[in-house]
Amino acid sequence: MNGDEIRAIVARVMEELSCAVPQPSVQECLPMEISARHVHLSAEDLEQLFGKGYQLTVKRNLSQQGEFLSNERVKLVTAKGCIEHVAVLGPVRQKTQVELSATDARQLGVKAPVNLSGNLQGAADLLIVSEQGAIYAKQCGIIAQAHVHMTPEDAQRFGVQNGQVIHVRALTKRPVTFENIVVRVSPKFKLAVHLDYDEANCCCMDSSTKGQLIRAQSDCSSVVVQQIPMTQAPQQPEPKPALPEEKLITEAVAIRLLSATGQVVRLRKGTLVTPSARDVFRSGKKTLEFV
């Protein structure tokens, strides 16, 4: 057997092996979308940030019916970090919610739970700042659980139901199988898997990426409600925070103090507070106490 015959045999074997792996049809594929960090505001918080009676202005509509990217941008601030030019999505919601990636949470120095959108249990506290105002939003920051939007017809076609957890394989040059993708079903939805940028980057995902549903879990209730556990140390009496050393409290210092103190901000007697700094404390519903 010469070299040409061996190469021909190897080529036939490789062809047969490639044909043995079933490839999903277009109808069996799930469109995949990247969900960047963003903010949903309540009507009350929208007015606090942009003025009484303010309405978000539409930049472009999103894939899900009724949702849009607005022209408005805000800044997320904590004692350890800051992220600027964060998109605000509309329309307004009942509660303010900030959706981050795990990388964003580390940059801000907060512990954000992996929750389904709308579940703010254990969510991180964040200062949200616009050019017109600021709010200290408690329990607003989460890492959004990966999920797939489906219509009832889509759910029937894929053999899944609302709240079920599935596994999706991203069909990219760097294929990755994502587990615990939660199915969300509504007649208003458009078929799409939503991942954040951390998840999208790990599989080299782009706007044309499709996913394949490779396994569905029948008993998923524990996965849907489960959140990443956070180790809690035994509660100890909180030490009294050290008083700020600054003799003049400017707007920038006030923003830092908002996320580093409780409801009462204690300052040394004789400390001067600028009007803009007092506005920041007022927006964050803080009380000043001079000791």
Protein backbone atom coordinates (compact mmCIF):
# COMPACT_ATOMS: atom_id res chain seq x y z
CA MET A 1 0.00 0.00 0.00
CA ASN A 2 1.57 3.25 -1.13
CA GLY A 3 1.27 6.72 0.34
CA ASP A 4 -1.48 7.87 -2.03
CA GLU A 5 -3.69 4.92 -1.04
CA ILE A 6 -3.16 5.63 2.68
CA ARG A 7 -4.05 9.32 2.24
CA ALA A 8 -7.21 8.35 0.29
CA ILE A 9 -8.31 5.98 3.08
CA VAL A 10 -7.69 8.63 5.76
CA ALA A 11 -9.69 11.21 3.75
CA ARG A 12 -12.66 8.82 3.42
CA VAL A 13 -12.61 8.01 7.16
CA MET A 14 -12.51 11.70 8.11
CA GLU A 15 -15.39 12.44 5.74
CA GLU A 16 -17.49 9.65 7.26
CA LEU A 17 -16.75 10.85 10.78
CA SER A 18 -17.74 14.43 9.96
CA CYS A 19 -20.99 13.24 8.40
CA ALA A 20 -21.79 11.18 11.50
CA VAL A 21 -22.09 14.33 13.65
CA PRO A 22 -25.60 15.73 13.15
CA GLN A 23 -25.62 19.42 12.29
CA PRO A 24 -28.64 21.47 13.39
CA SER A 25 -30.82 22.94 10.68
CA VAL A 26 -31.65 26.63 10.57
CA GLN A 27 -35.02 25.83 12.17
CA GLU A 28 -33.27 24.05 15.07
CA CYS A 29 -30.85 26.90 15.82
CA LEU A 30 -31.26 29.51 18.54
CA PRO A 31 -30.25 33.11 17.70
CA MET A 32 -27.81 34.43 20.31
CA GLU A 33 -27.46 38.03 21.45
CA ILE A 34 -24.99 39.85 23.69
CA SER A 35 -26.50 41.88 26.52
CA ALA A 36 -24.07 44.61 27.60
CA ARG A 37 -24.20 46.24 31.03
CA HIS A 38 -27.25 48.47 31.37
CA VAL A 39 -29.67 50.14 33.75
CA HIS A 40 -33.46 49.92 34.07
CA LEU A 41 -34.90 52.87 36.03
CA SER A 42 -38.11 53.27 37.98
CA ALA A 43 -40.22 56.33 37.14
CA GLU A 44 -39.29 57.93 40.47
CA ASP A 45 -35.55 57.37 40.02
CA LEU A 46 -35.72 58.60 36.40
CA GLU A 47 -37.07 61.94 37.65
CA GLN A 48 -34.43 62.09 40.40
CA LEU A 49 -31.70 61.68 37.79
CA PHE A 50 -33.05 63.75 34.89
CA GLY A 51 -35.77 66.04 36.24
CA LYS A 52 -39.47 66.02 37.03
CA GLY A 53 -41.64 64.63 34.23
CA TYR A 54 -38.62 63.49 32.22
CA GLN A 55 -39.16 60.83 29.52
CA LEU A 56 -36.47 58.59 28.05
CA THR A 57 -35.67 59.29 24.40
CA VAL A 58 -35.38 56.36 21.99
CA LYS A 59 -32.04 55.75 20.24
CA ARG A 60 -33.04 52.40 18.70
CA ASN A 61 -35.46 49.58 19.37
CA LEU A 62 -34.21 46.27 20.76
CA SER A 63 -35.11 42.78 19.61
CA GLN A 64 -37.69 42.24 22.36
CA GLN A 65 -41.02 43.96 21.72
CA GLY A 66 -41.45 47.34 23.43
CA GLU A 67 -37.87 47.56 24.73
CA PHE A 68 -35.43 50.19 23.51
CA LEU A 69 -31.97 51.64 24.00
CA SER A 70 -32.26 55.25 25.09
CA ASN A 71 -29.95 58.18 24.41
CA GLU A 72 -29.51 58.73 28.14
CA ARG A 73 -26.35 57.56 29.93
CA VAL A 74 -25.42 57.32 33.61
CA LYS A 75 -22.36 56.62 35.74
CA LEU A 76 -22.09 53.79 38.31
CA VAL A 77 -20.03 54.73 41.36
CA THR A 78 -18.84 52.85 44.44
CA ALA A 79 -16.10 53.46 46.98
CA LYS A 80 -13.81 51.18 44.94
CA GLY A 81 -14.59 52.00 41.34
CA CYS A 82 -16.56 53.79 38.66
CA ILE A 83 -18.03 52.85 35.26
CA GLU A 84 -19.08 55.71 32.97
CA HIS A 85 -21.44 55.96 29.97
CA VAL A 86 -23.71 53.10 31.07
CA ALA A 87 -26.74 52.64 28.82
CA VAL A 88 -30.27 53.17 30.13
CA LEU A 89 -32.92 50.90 28.64
CA GLY A 90 -36.61 51.72 28.39
CA PRO A 91 -39.39 51.70 29.21
CA VAL A 92 -39.32 52.43 32.95
CA ARG A 93 -39.84 49.57 35.39
CA GLN A 94 -41.36 49.25 38.85
CA LYS A 95 -37.89 48.92 40.43
CA THR A 96 -34.49 50.17 39.38
CA GLN A 97 -32.20 47.35 38.24
CA VAL A 98 -28.57 47.40 37.10
CA GLU A 99 -27.36 44.40 35.06
CA LEU A 100 -23.60 43.82 35.22
CA SER A 101 -21.09 41.23 34.12
CA ALA A 102 -18.90 39.52 36.71
CA THR A 103 -16.00 41.65 35.42
CA ASP A 104 -18.04 44.83 36.00
CA ALA A 105 -18.86 43.73 39.54
CA ARG A 106 -15.18 43.19 40.32
CA GLN A 107 -14.30 46.58 38.86
CA LEU A 108 -16.87 48.21 41.14
CA GLY A 109 -15.84 46.10 44.13
CA VAL A 110 -19.33 44.72 44.80
CA LYS A 111 -20.73 41.23 45.32
CA ALA A 112 -23.56 40.92 42.82
CA PRO A 113 -25.61 37.70 42.78
CA VAL A 114 -26.42 35.76 39.60
CA ASN A 115 -30.18 36.31 39.43
CA LEU A 116 -32.89 36.23 36.81
CA SER A 117 -33.86 39.72 35.70
CA GLY A 118 -36.46 41.05 38.12
CA ASN A 119 -35.11 39.13 41.11
CA LEU A 120 -33.24 41.65 43.28
CA GLN A 121 -32.73 39.43 46.31
CA GLY A 122 -29.21 40.03 47.60
CA ALA A 123 -28.52 42.62 44.87
CA ALA A 124 -25.66 45.09 45.33
CA ASP A 125 -26.06 48.74 46.33
CA LEU A 126 -24.86 51.28 43.77
CA LEU A 127 -24.68 55.03 43.36
CA ILE A 128 -26.15 56.04 39.99
CA VAL A 129 -25.09 59.48 38.77
CA SER A 130 -26.27 61.63 35.85
CA GLU A 131 -25.34 65.18 34.88
CA GLN A 132 -28.49 66.40 36.62
CA GLY A 133 -28.58 64.33 39.81
CA ALA A 134 -27.68 61.19 41.72
CA ILE A 135 -29.47 58.36 43.52
CA TYR A 136 -28.16 55.77 45.95
CA ALA A 137 -30.01 52.68 44.71
CA LYS A 138 -30.10 49.89 47.26
CA GLN A 139 -30.36 46.26 46.12
CA CYS A 140 -30.21 47.03 42.41
CA GLY A 141 -27.07 45.39 40.99
CA ILE A 142 -27.16 41.82 39.65
CA ILE A 143 -25.31 39.57 37.21
CA ALA A 144 -28.15 38.51 34.93
CA GLN A 145 -28.77 34.77 34.68
CA ALA A 146 -28.36 33.61 31.08
CA HIS A 147 -31.78 33.01 29.54
CA VAL A 148 -33.64 32.43 26.28
CA HIS A 149 -36.74 34.31 25.15
CA MET A 150 -39.35 32.20 23.34
CA THR A 151 -42.90 32.50 22.08
CA PRO A 152 -45.30 29.68 23.03
CA GLU A 153 -44.88 28.36 19.49
CA ASP A 154 -41.08 28.33 19.85
CA ALA A 155 -41.35 26.50 23.19
CA GLN A 156 -43.60 23.86 21.63
CA ARG A 157 -41.23 23.41 18.68
CA PHE A 158 -38.19 22.92 20.94
CA GLY A 159 -40.13 20.81 23.46
CA VAL A 160 -39.55 23.05 26.48
CA GLN A 161 -41.68 25.09 28.86
CA ASN A 162 -41.50 28.37 30.77
CA GLY A 163 -39.03 28.23 33.67
CA GLN A 164 -37.26 25.15 32.37
CA VAL A 165 -33.46 25.06 32.29
CA ILE A 166 -31.65 24.00 29.13
CA HIS A 167 -28.08 23.69 27.87
CA VAL A 168 -27.04 25.61 24.76
CA ARG A 169 -23.94 25.04 22.66
CA ALA A 170 -22.57 28.16 20.99
CA LEU A 171 -21.69 27.23 17.41
CA THR A 172 -18.53 29.31 17.03
CA LYS A 173 -14.86 28.75 16.18
CA ARG A 174 -14.43 28.28 19.93
CA PRO A 175 -17.54 26.22 20.79
CA VAL A 176 -18.71 26.45 24.39
CA THR A 177 -21.69 24.74 26.02
CA PHE A 178 -23.55 27.02 28.42
CA GLU A 179 -25.54 25.30 31.15
CA ASN A 180 -28.47 26.60 33.21
CA ILE A 181 -30.04 28.71 30.46
CA VAL A 182 -33.50 29.60 31.76
CA VAL A 183 -36.43 29.46 29.33
CA ARG A 184 -38.76 32.49 29.45
CA VAL A 185 -41.95 32.19 27.41
CA SER A 186 -44.33 34.97 26.35
CA PRO A 187 -46.34 35.82 23.22
CA LYS A 188 -44.51 39.17 23.22
CA PHE A 189 -41.04 37.64 23.06
CA LYS A 190 -38.78 37.09 20.05
CA LEU A 191 -36.58 33.97 19.99
CA ALA A 192 -33.11 34.83 21.32
CA VAL A 193 -30.57 33.59 23.86
CA HIS A 194 -29.16 36.43 25.99
CA LEU A 195 -25.60 36.21 27.35
CA ASP A 196 -23.48 38.92 28.95
CA TYR A 197 -20.11 40.06 27.58
CA ASP A 198 -18.07 37.74 29.81
CA GLU A 199 -19.97 34.74 28.46
CA ALA A 200 -19.90 36.00 24.87
CA ASN A 201 -16.16 36.69 24.88
CA CYS A 202 -15.23 33.23 26.18
CA CYS A 203 -16.71 31.61 23.04
CA CYS A 204 -15.74 34.35 20.51
CA MET A 205 -19.40 35.12 19.91
CA ASP A 206 -20.54 37.75 17.42
CA SER A 207 -23.84 39.07 16.05
CA SER A 208 -24.24 36.11 13.68
CA THR A 209 -23.69 33.38 16.27
CA LYS A 210 -26.27 30.60 16.57
CA GLY A 211 -26.78 28.14 19.40
CA GLN A 212 -27.88 24.52 19.52
CA LEU A 213 -30.15 23.21 22.28
CA ILE A 214 -28.29 20.04 23.22
CA ARG A 215 -30.01 18.95 26.42
CA ALA A 216 -33.08 19.94 28.42
CA GLN A 217 -33.57 19.31 32.13
CA SER A 218 -37.01 18.12 33.16
CA ASP A 219 -36.61 18.95 36.85
CA CYS A 220 -35.16 22.44 36.95
CA SER A 221 -36.93 24.17 39.83
CA SER A 222 -33.88 24.11 42.07
CA VAL A 223 -31.66 25.55 39.35
CA VAL A 224 -34.06 28.36 38.43
CA VAL A 225 -34.29 29.75 41.95
CA GLN A 226 -30.78 28.88 43.04
CA GLN A 227 -28.36 31.74 43.43
CA ILE A 228 -24.60 31.67 43.79
CA PRO A 229 -24.01 31.25 47.55
CA MET A 230 -22.06 33.96 49.25
CA THR A 231 -20.04 33.02 52.31
CA GLN A 232 -21.29 34.99 55.28
CA ALA A 233 -19.10 35.50 58.30
CA PRO A 234 -20.70 35.57 61.76
CA GLN A 235 -22.23 38.95 62.37
CA GLN A 236 -20.05 41.21 64.42
CA PRO A 237 -20.92 44.64 65.79
CA GLU A 238 -20.06 47.14 63.09
CA PRO A 239 -17.21 49.44 64.15
CA LYS A 240 -17.93 53.13 64.03
CA PRO A 241 -16.49 54.51 60.80
CA ALA A 242 -13.58 56.89 61.07
CA LEU A 243 -14.51 60.51 60.51
CA PRO A 244 -13.40 61.96 57.15
CA GLU A 245 -10.18 63.95 57.38
CA GLU A 246 -11.27 66.51 54.75
CA LYS A 247 -12.04 69.98 56.11
CA LEU A 248 -13.94 70.81 52.91
CA ILE A 249 -16.50 68.34 51.54
CA THR A 250 -16.81 68.78 47.78
CA GLU A 251 -19.20 67.01 45.39
CA ALA A 252 -16.56 64.36 44.59
CA VAL A 253 -15.94 63.64 48.27
CA ALA A 254 -19.69 63.46 48.92
CA ILE A 255 -20.12 60.81 46.19
CA ARG A 256 -17.39 58.72 47.81
CA LEU A 257 -18.97 59.06 51.25
CA LEU A 258 -22.39 58.00 49.96
CA SER A 259 -21.27 54.46 49.25
CA ALA A 260 -18.98 54.20 52.28
CA THR A 261 -21.40 55.22 55.04
CA GLY A 262 -24.83 54.39 56.38
CA GLN A 263 -27.88 56.64 56.49
CA VAL A 264 -26.03 59.15 58.68
CA VAL A 265 -22.84 60.83 57.45
CA ARG A 266 -20.76 61.98 60.43
CA LEU A 267 -18.35 64.88 59.93
CA ARG A 268 -16.02 66.72 62.26
CA LYS A 269 -17.30 69.97 63.73
CA GLY A 270 -16.23 72.92 61.64
CA THR A 271 -16.15 70.92 58.36
CA LEU A 272 -17.38 72.96 55.40
CA VAL A 273 -19.85 71.34 52.95
CA THR A 274 -20.32 72.86 49.49
CA PRO A 275 -23.86 73.34 48.13
CA SER A 276 -23.27 70.73 45.39
CA ALA A 277 -22.09 68.25 48.03
CA ARG A 278 -25.24 68.87 50.07
CA ASP A 279 -27.29 68.13 46.92
CA VAL A 280 -25.50 64.78 46.57
CA PHE A 281 -26.25 63.88 50.21
CA ARG A 282 -29.86 64.98 49.74
CA SER A 283 -30.23 62.83 46.59
CA GLY A 284 -28.82 59.86 48.46
CA LYS A 285 -31.23 60.51 51.37
CA LYS A 286 -28.34 60.98 53.82
CA THR A 287 -28.44 62.93 57.06
CA LEU A 288 -25.41 65.01 58.07
CA GLU A 289 -24.25 64.92 61.66
CA PHE A 290 -21.37 67.03 62.98
CA VAL A 291 -19.53 65.54 65.99
